[in-house]
Amino acid sequence: MTKRVIILVSNGISERKQASAQNNSLSLLNARRVLYEVVDGADPAQVDRRNELFRISGIRGLYPQWFIHDDDLALERPRTTYVGDWEAISLVNDCDDIPTI
């Protein structure tokens, strides 16, 4: 079973609150030494992946968004699950209740 965190960001974002949330998200992942994949929603080469993640979360234009990708061989196909935005993740982190993958 292989799981990894995917974080959807936008390097073209100008809105301060979302830019701060992106920086906080990446800092948290790095501090906890979590391996993660970054999908840049502003990168034209990643538009299809961004749109797939927007479809999964049901939320467009909000950054960052956190996902768990599961490559478990017992599954019929890999599964990506929306976990939340920075507000949800920070609440879990404040409770020190972030599960290990």
N, C-alpha and C. Protein backbone atom coordinates (compact mmCIF):
# COMPACT_ATOMS: atom_id res chain seq x y z
N MET A 1 0.85 -1.17 0.00
CA MET A 1 0.00 0.00 0.00
C MET A 1 0.89 1.23 0.00
N THR A 2 0.68 2.12 -0.97
CA THR A 2 1.45 3.35 -1.06
C THR A 2 0.49 4.54 -1.03
N LYS A 3 0.67 5.38 -0.03
CA LYS A 3 -0.13 6.60 0.07
C LYS A 3 0.82 7.79 0.06
N ARG A 4 0.33 8.88 -0.52
CA ARG A 4 1.12 10.11 -0.49
C ARG A 4 0.17 11.31 -0.44
N VAL A 5 0.72 12.39 0.07
CA VAL A 5 -0.01 13.65 0.13
C VAL A 5 0.19 14.37 -1.20
N ILE A 6 -0.89 14.92 -1.72
CA ILE A 6 -0.83 15.81 -2.87
C ILE A 6 -1.34 17.16 -2.39
N ILE A 7 -0.60 18.20 -2.68
CA ILE A 7 -1.05 19.53 -2.31
C ILE A 7 -1.18 20.37 -3.57
N LEU A 8 -2.38 20.89 -3.78
CA LEU A 8 -2.69 21.72 -4.93
C LEU A 8 -2.47 23.18 -4.53
N VAL A 9 -1.53 23.82 -5.20
CA VAL A 9 -1.19 25.22 -4.93
C VAL A 9 -1.30 26.01 -6.23
N SER A 10 -1.08 27.30 -6.15
CA SER A 10 -0.98 28.13 -7.34
C SER A 10 0.16 29.11 -7.15
N ASN A 11 1.21 28.94 -7.93
CA ASN A 11 2.34 29.86 -7.83
C ASN A 11 2.01 31.23 -8.42
N GLY A 12 0.85 31.36 -9.04
CA GLY A 12 0.43 32.64 -9.60
C GLY A 12 -0.56 33.38 -8.71
N ILE A 13 -0.73 32.93 -7.48
CA ILE A 13 -1.75 33.50 -6.61
C ILE A 13 -1.30 34.86 -6.06
N SER A 14 -2.22 35.81 -6.00
CA SER A 14 -1.89 37.14 -5.48
C SER A 14 -2.68 37.45 -4.21
N GLU A 15 -3.68 36.65 -3.90
CA GLU A 15 -4.50 36.88 -2.71
C GLU A 15 -3.69 36.48 -1.48
N ARG A 16 -3.49 37.43 -0.58
CA ARG A 16 -2.59 37.24 0.57
C ARG A 16 -2.95 36.06 1.47
N LYS A 17 -4.22 35.91 1.78
CA LYS A 17 -4.64 34.85 2.70
C LYS A 17 -4.33 33.48 2.11
N GLN A 18 -4.62 33.28 0.82
CA GLN A 18 -4.33 31.99 0.19
C GLN A 18 -2.82 31.77 0.05
N ALA A 19 -2.07 32.82 -0.26
CA ALA A 19 -0.62 32.70 -0.38
C ALA A 19 -0.02 32.30 0.97
N SER A 20 -0.51 32.90 2.04
CA SER A 20 -0.05 32.56 3.39
C SER A 20 -0.40 31.12 3.74
N ALA A 21 -1.60 30.70 3.38
CA ALA A 21 -2.04 29.32 3.66
C ALA A 21 -1.17 28.33 2.90
N GLN A 22 -0.80 28.65 1.66
CA GLN A 22 0.10 27.77 0.89
C GLN A 22 1.44 27.65 1.58
N ASN A 23 2.01 28.78 1.98
CA ASN A 23 3.31 28.76 2.66
C ASN A 23 3.24 27.96 3.96
N ASN A 24 2.18 28.16 4.73
CA ASN A 24 2.01 27.42 5.98
C ASN A 24 1.87 25.93 5.72
N SER A 25 1.15 25.56 4.67
CA SER A 25 0.97 24.15 4.33
C SER A 25 2.30 23.49 4.01
N LEU A 26 3.07 24.15 3.16
CA LEU A 26 4.36 23.58 2.76
C LEU A 26 5.32 23.52 3.95
N SER A 27 5.29 24.53 4.80
CA SER A 27 6.13 24.53 6.00
C SER A 27 5.76 23.38 6.93
N LEU A 28 4.47 23.14 7.10
CA LEU A 28 4.01 22.04 7.94
C LEU A 28 4.48 20.70 7.40
N LEU A 29 4.31 20.49 6.11
CA LEU A 29 4.74 19.22 5.51
C LEU A 29 6.24 19.03 5.65
N ASN A 30 7.00 20.08 5.42
CA ASN A 30 8.45 19.99 5.55
C ASN A 30 8.87 19.75 7.00
N ALA A 31 8.23 20.43 7.95
CA ALA A 31 8.56 20.27 9.36
C ALA A 31 8.27 18.85 9.84
N ARG A 32 7.22 18.26 9.32
CA ARG A 32 6.86 16.90 9.72
C ARG A 32 7.54 15.84 8.85
N ARG A 33 8.38 16.31 7.91
CA ARG A 33 9.12 15.43 7.01
C ARG A 33 8.21 14.47 6.24
N VAL A 34 7.10 15.03 5.75
CA VAL A 34 6.14 14.27 4.96
C VAL A 34 6.53 14.38 3.50
N LEU A 35 6.59 13.25 2.81
CA LEU A 35 6.81 13.28 1.38
C LEU A 35 5.50 13.69 0.71
N TYR A 36 5.60 14.62 -0.22
CA TYR A 36 4.39 15.12 -0.85
C TYR A 36 4.68 15.49 -2.30
N GLU A 37 3.60 15.58 -3.05
CA GLU A 37 3.65 16.00 -4.44
C GLU A 37 2.95 17.35 -4.53
N VAL A 38 3.57 18.29 -5.21
CA VAL A 38 2.96 19.61 -5.42
C VAL A 38 2.40 19.66 -6.84
N VAL A 39 1.15 20.06 -6.95
CA VAL A 39 0.53 20.33 -8.25
C VAL A 39 0.29 21.83 -8.29
N ASP A 40 0.93 22.51 -9.26
CA ASP A 40 0.78 23.95 -9.40
C ASP A 40 -0.36 24.24 -10.36
N GLY A 41 -1.45 24.74 -9.82
CA GLY A 41 -2.63 25.02 -10.62
C GLY A 41 -2.44 26.12 -11.65
N ALA A 42 -1.37 26.91 -11.52
CA ALA A 42 -1.10 27.97 -12.49
C ALA A 42 -0.20 27.51 -13.63
N ASP A 43 0.33 26.30 -13.53
CA ASP A 43 1.23 25.77 -14.54
C ASP A 43 0.42 25.18 -15.69
N PRO A 44 0.57 25.73 -16.91
CA PRO A 44 -0.20 25.20 -18.04
C PRO A 44 0.03 23.70 -18.29
N ALA A 45 1.18 23.19 -17.91
CA ALA A 45 1.46 21.76 -18.10
C ALA A 45 0.70 20.90 -17.11
N GLN A 46 0.14 21.49 -16.05
CA GLN A 46 -0.56 20.72 -15.02
C GLN A 46 -2.06 21.02 -14.98
N VAL A 47 -2.59 21.66 -16.00
CA VAL A 47 -4.01 22.04 -16.02
C VAL A 47 -4.92 20.83 -15.90
N ASP A 48 -4.63 19.75 -16.62
CA ASP A 48 -5.49 18.55 -16.54
C ASP A 48 -5.50 17.97 -15.14
N ARG A 49 -4.34 17.89 -14.51
CA ARG A 49 -4.25 17.36 -13.14
C ARG A 49 -4.98 18.28 -12.17
N ARG A 50 -4.79 19.60 -12.34
CA ARG A 50 -5.49 20.58 -11.50
C ARG A 50 -7.01 20.40 -11.61
N ASN A 51 -7.50 20.28 -12.84
CA ASN A 51 -8.94 20.13 -13.04
C ASN A 51 -9.45 18.82 -12.45
N GLU A 52 -8.65 17.76 -12.52
CA GLU A 52 -9.03 16.49 -11.89
C GLU A 52 -9.16 16.68 -10.38
N LEU A 53 -8.21 17.39 -9.77
CA LEU A 53 -8.27 17.63 -8.33
C LEU A 53 -9.44 18.54 -7.96
N PHE A 54 -9.71 19.56 -8.78
CA PHE A 54 -10.90 20.40 -8.55
C PHE A 54 -12.17 19.55 -8.60
N ARG A 55 -12.23 18.61 -9.54
CA ARG A 55 -13.40 17.74 -9.66
C ARG A 55 -13.56 16.89 -8.40
N ILE A 56 -12.46 16.38 -7.89
CA ILE A 56 -12.51 15.53 -6.69
C ILE A 56 -12.97 16.33 -5.47
N SER A 57 -12.44 17.53 -5.31
CA SER A 57 -12.79 18.34 -4.13
C SER A 57 -14.14 19.04 -4.28
N GLY A 58 -14.52 19.31 -5.53
CA GLY A 58 -15.74 20.07 -5.76
C GLY A 58 -15.55 21.56 -5.53
N ILE A 59 -14.29 21.99 -5.40
CA ILE A 59 -13.97 23.40 -5.11
C ILE A 59 -12.97 23.90 -6.14
N ARG A 60 -13.31 24.98 -6.82
CA ARG A 60 -12.41 25.58 -7.81
C ARG A 60 -11.83 26.88 -7.27
N GLY A 61 -10.57 27.13 -7.59
CA GLY A 61 -9.96 28.42 -7.31
C GLY A 61 -9.56 28.67 -5.87
N LEU A 62 -9.63 27.68 -5.01
CA LEU A 62 -9.20 27.82 -3.62
C LEU A 62 -7.90 27.06 -3.45
N TYR A 63 -6.90 27.76 -2.92
CA TYR A 63 -5.59 27.13 -2.69
C TYR A 63 -5.16 27.42 -1.27
N PRO A 64 -4.45 26.51 -0.65
CA PRO A 64 -4.11 25.17 -1.11
C PRO A 64 -5.24 24.19 -0.82
N GLN A 65 -5.20 23.07 -1.52
CA GLN A 65 -6.10 21.95 -1.25
C GLN A 65 -5.23 20.73 -1.00
N TRP A 66 -5.60 19.95 -0.01
CA TRP A 66 -4.85 18.76 0.38
C TRP A 66 -5.60 17.50 -0.04
N PHE A 67 -4.86 16.52 -0.52
CA PHE A 67 -5.40 15.25 -0.97
C PHE A 67 -4.50 14.11 -0.48
N ILE A 68 -5.09 12.93 -0.37
CA ILE A 68 -4.32 11.70 -0.14
C ILE A 68 -4.52 10.84 -1.37
N HIS A 69 -3.42 10.40 -1.94
CA HIS A 69 -3.47 9.50 -3.10
C HIS A 69 -3.06 8.12 -2.62
N ASP A 70 -3.88 7.12 -2.93
CA ASP A 70 -3.66 5.74 -2.48
C ASP A 70 -3.49 4.84 -3.69
N ASP A 71 -2.31 4.21 -3.77
CA ASP A 71 -2.00 3.27 -4.86
C ASP A 71 -2.16 1.81 -4.42
N ASP A 72 -2.93 1.56 -3.39
CA ASP A 72 -3.09 0.21 -2.85
C ASP A 72 -3.48 -0.76 -3.96
N LEU A 73 -2.72 -1.84 -4.07
CA LEU A 73 -2.97 -2.83 -5.12
C LEU A 73 -4.31 -3.54 -4.94
N ALA A 74 -4.86 -3.53 -3.73
CA ALA A 74 -6.14 -4.17 -3.49
C ALA A 74 -7.30 -3.36 -4.09
N LEU A 75 -7.03 -2.10 -4.38
CA LEU A 75 -8.06 -1.26 -5.00
C LEU A 75 -8.13 -1.58 -6.49
N GLU A 76 -9.28 -1.40 -7.09
CA GLU A 76 -9.40 -1.62 -8.53
C GLU A 76 -8.53 -0.64 -9.30
N ARG A 77 -8.43 0.58 -8.80
CA ARG A 77 -7.58 1.58 -9.42
C ARG A 77 -7.15 2.55 -8.33
N PRO A 78 -6.07 3.31 -8.55
CA PRO A 78 -5.65 4.26 -7.53
C PRO A 78 -6.77 5.24 -7.19
N ARG A 79 -6.76 5.70 -5.95
CA ARG A 79 -7.83 6.59 -5.48
C ARG A 79 -7.21 7.84 -4.86
N THR A 80 -7.76 8.98 -5.22
CA THR A 80 -7.34 10.25 -4.63
C THR A 80 -8.54 10.82 -3.87
N THR A 81 -8.30 11.17 -2.61
CA THR A 81 -9.36 11.66 -1.73
C THR A 81 -9.04 13.07 -1.26
N TYR A 82 -10.02 13.95 -1.33
CA TYR A 82 -9.86 15.31 -0.83
C TYR A 82 -9.87 15.27 0.69
N VAL A 83 -8.89 15.94 1.31
CA VAL A 83 -8.78 15.98 2.77
C VAL A 83 -9.30 17.30 3.32
N GLY A 84 -8.92 18.41 2.67
CA GLY A 84 -9.38 19.70 3.15
C GLY A 84 -8.50 20.83 2.67
N ASP A 85 -8.85 22.03 3.13
CA ASP A 85 -8.05 23.20 2.83
C ASP A 85 -7.15 23.50 4.03
N TRP A 86 -6.43 24.61 3.99
CA TRP A 86 -5.51 24.92 5.09
C TRP A 86 -6.25 25.07 6.41
N GLU A 87 -7.43 25.66 6.41
CA GLU A 87 -8.18 25.85 7.65
C GLU A 87 -8.45 24.51 8.33
N ALA A 88 -8.88 23.53 7.56
CA ALA A 88 -9.16 22.20 8.13
C ALA A 88 -7.88 21.53 8.61
N ILE A 89 -6.84 21.63 7.82
CA ILE A 89 -5.56 20.99 8.18
C ILE A 89 -4.97 21.64 9.42
N SER A 90 -5.04 22.96 9.51
CA SER A 90 -4.46 23.64 10.68
C SER A 90 -5.20 23.27 11.96
N LEU A 91 -6.51 23.06 11.88
CA LEU A 91 -7.26 22.62 13.06
C LEU A 91 -6.80 21.25 13.53
N VAL A 92 -6.60 20.36 12.57
CA VAL A 92 -6.12 19.01 12.92
C VAL A 92 -4.71 19.11 13.49
N ASN A 93 -3.88 19.93 12.88
CA ASN A 93 -2.51 20.10 13.36
C ASN A 93 -2.48 20.69 14.77
N ASP A 94 -3.36 21.66 15.05
CA ASP A 94 -3.42 22.26 16.38
C ASP A 94 -3.76 21.23 17.45
N CYS A 95 -4.51 20.20 17.06
CA CYS A 95 -4.85 19.12 17.99
C CYS A 95 -3.77 18.04 18.00
N ASP A 96 -2.72 18.26 17.18
CA ASP A 96 -1.63 17.29 17.01
C ASP A 96 -2.18 15.92 16.63
N ASP A 97 -3.15 15.93 15.73
CA ASP A 97 -3.85 14.70 15.35
C ASP A 97 -3.69 14.36 13.87
N ILE A 98 -2.58 14.82 13.26
CA ILE A 98 -2.34 14.48 11.85
C ILE A 98 -1.84 13.05 11.80
N PRO A 99 -2.56 12.18 11.10
CA PRO A 99 -2.13 10.78 11.04
C PRO A 99 -0.92 10.61 10.13
N THR A 100 -0.13 9.60 10.44
CA THR A 100 0.97 9.27 9.54
C THR A 100 0.41 8.41 8.42
N ILE A 101 1.04 8.52 7.29
CA ILE A 101 0.55 7.78 6.13
C ILE A 101 1.40 6.54 5.93
